[in-house]
Amino acid sequence: QVQLVESGGGLVQAGGSLRLSCAVSGSTFSINVMGWHRQAPGKQRELVAAINSDSSTNYADSVKGRFTISRDNAKSTVYLQMSSLKPEDTAVYYCSARTKLFRSYWGQGTQVTVSS
């Protein structure tokens, strides 16, 4: 089992920055990929960024150059640094973990609202 707890969401003006954190606990040794997803009202959940066990990363085209995913293994935490935020970034952001056996875990989500 893996437990994920997000924090750091909030209200920010367009052009501002936020850093989301995801505290990971449980069977962390089994995790292969950590990711951040988001879901805006009326839209499907989408992958925003992911970091693999070899530290390689990938990003949605819409956030490339503005968002950075990173992790601190000592703190068992994954971060999403978001800069140059736009109103269209408004969504509930979810942390995810996928194990080597392809089982997925999700956090409860944290709201990010970007005002224009």
Protein backbone atom coordinates (compact mmCIF):
# COMPACT_ATOMS: atom_id res chain seq x y z
CA GLN A 1 0.00 0.00 0.00
CA VAL A 2 1.04 3.55 -0.74
CA GLN A 3 -0.43 6.68 0.84
CA LEU A 4 -0.23 10.10 -0.79
CA VAL A 5 -1.09 13.43 0.81
CA GLU A 6 -1.01 16.63 -1.25
CA SER A 7 -0.61 20.14 0.06
CA GLY A 8 0.22 23.61 -1.20
CA GLY A 9 -2.78 24.49 -3.30
CA GLY A 10 -4.53 27.82 -3.07
CA LEU A 11 -5.54 30.99 -4.84
CA VAL A 12 -2.97 32.89 -6.88
CA GLN A 13 -3.08 35.65 -9.47
CA ALA A 14 -2.18 34.99 -13.06
CA GLY A 15 1.57 35.11 -13.51
CA GLY A 16 2.19 33.94 -9.98
CA SER A 17 3.74 30.77 -8.60
CA LEU A 18 2.79 27.91 -6.32
CA ARG A 19 4.56 24.80 -5.12
CA LEU A 20 2.60 21.65 -4.52
CA SER A 21 3.93 18.91 -2.26
CA CYS A 22 3.02 15.24 -2.12
CA ALA A 23 4.07 13.32 0.98
CA VAL A 24 4.52 9.64 0.20
CA SER A 25 4.36 6.83 2.76
CA GLY A 26 3.91 3.09 2.85
CA SER A 27 5.55 0.73 0.37
CA THR A 28 7.60 3.44 -1.31
CA PHE A 29 10.16 0.90 -2.53
CA SER A 30 7.54 -0.46 -4.94
CA ILE A 31 7.00 2.86 -6.72
CA ASN A 32 8.18 3.19 -10.30
CA VAL A 33 6.65 6.49 -11.38
CA MET A 34 5.31 9.50 -9.51
CA GLY A 35 3.05 11.98 -11.23
CA TRP A 36 0.89 15.05 -10.93
CA HIS A 37 -2.46 15.13 -12.67
CA ARG A 38 -5.19 17.74 -12.76
CA GLN A 39 -8.88 17.85 -13.39
CA ALA A 40 -10.75 21.02 -14.23
CA PRO A 41 -14.55 21.23 -13.94
CA GLY A 42 -16.24 19.41 -16.80
CA LYS A 43 -12.96 18.04 -18.13
CA GLN A 44 -11.15 14.74 -17.94
CA ARG A 45 -8.24 14.24 -15.61
CA GLU A 46 -4.97 14.84 -17.43
CA LEU A 47 -1.34 14.12 -16.73
CA VAL A 48 0.63 17.26 -15.97
CA ALA A 49 4.07 15.90 -15.13
CA ALA A 50 5.75 12.65 -14.17
CA ILE A 51 9.09 11.60 -12.74
CA ASN A 52 10.45 8.11 -13.18
CA SER A 53 12.65 6.03 -10.91
CA ASP A 54 15.68 7.02 -13.01
CA SER A 55 14.73 10.70 -12.45
CA SER A 56 13.72 11.27 -16.03
CA THR A 57 10.73 13.55 -16.39
CA ASN A 58 7.99 14.30 -18.85
CA TYR A 59 5.48 17.11 -19.06
CA ALA A 60 2.25 17.97 -20.78
CA ASP A 61 2.85 20.41 -23.63
CA SER A 62 0.65 22.97 -21.91
CA VAL A 63 2.98 23.27 -18.91
CA LYS A 64 6.42 22.76 -20.44
CA GLY A 65 8.78 25.52 -19.42
CA ARG A 66 6.46 26.65 -16.60
CA PHE A 67 6.15 23.63 -14.30
CA THR A 68 8.89 21.51 -12.76
CA ILE A 69 8.45 18.15 -11.06
CA SER A 70 11.06 17.03 -8.56
CA ARG A 71 11.45 14.73 -5.60
CA ASP A 72 13.32 14.59 -2.33
CA ASN A 73 13.87 10.94 -1.49
CA ALA A 74 15.10 11.76 2.01
CA LYS A 75 11.80 13.47 2.75
CA SER A 76 9.70 11.03 0.69
CA THR A 77 8.13 14.00 -1.01
CA VAL A 78 7.40 14.90 -4.61
CA TYR A 79 6.99 18.53 -5.63
CA LEU A 80 5.40 20.40 -8.47
CA GLN A 81 6.76 23.91 -8.86
CA MET A 82 4.33 25.94 -10.92
CA SER A 83 5.30 29.32 -12.36
CA SER A 84 3.74 31.79 -14.78
CA LEU A 85 0.37 30.41 -13.82
CA LYS A 86 -2.58 31.00 -16.10
CA PRO A 87 -6.33 30.92 -15.39
CA GLU A 88 -6.54 27.73 -17.47
CA ASP A 89 -4.29 26.03 -14.91
CA THR A 90 -7.19 26.18 -12.46
CA ALA A 91 -8.03 22.63 -11.41
CA VAL A 92 -7.85 20.08 -8.65
CA TYR A 93 -4.33 18.68 -8.70
CA TYR A 94 -3.76 15.05 -7.77
CA CYS A 95 -0.57 13.25 -6.88
CA SER A 96 -0.21 9.72 -8.20
CA ALA A 97 2.10 6.77 -7.75
CA ARG A 98 2.42 3.75 -9.99
CA THR A 99 4.17 0.66 -8.77
CA LYS A 100 6.40 -1.77 -10.65
CA LEU A 101 3.38 -4.08 -10.84
CA PHE A 102 1.35 -1.26 -12.47
CA ARG A 103 -0.90 -0.60 -9.50
CA SER A 104 -1.89 3.06 -9.15
CA TYR A 105 -2.49 5.13 -6.05
CA TRP A 106 -3.97 8.62 -5.78
CA GLY A 107 -4.01 11.42 -3.27
CA GLN A 108 -7.12 13.29 -2.25
CA GLY A 109 -6.34 16.30 -4.43
CA THR A 110 -5.60 19.95 -3.76
CA GLN A 111 -7.37 22.89 -5.37
CA VAL A 112 -5.41 25.41 -7.41
CA THR A 113 -7.26 28.52 -8.53
CA VAL A 114 -5.62 31.11 -10.76
CA SER A 115 -7.43 34.44 -11.01
CA SER A 116 -7.11 36.69 -14.04
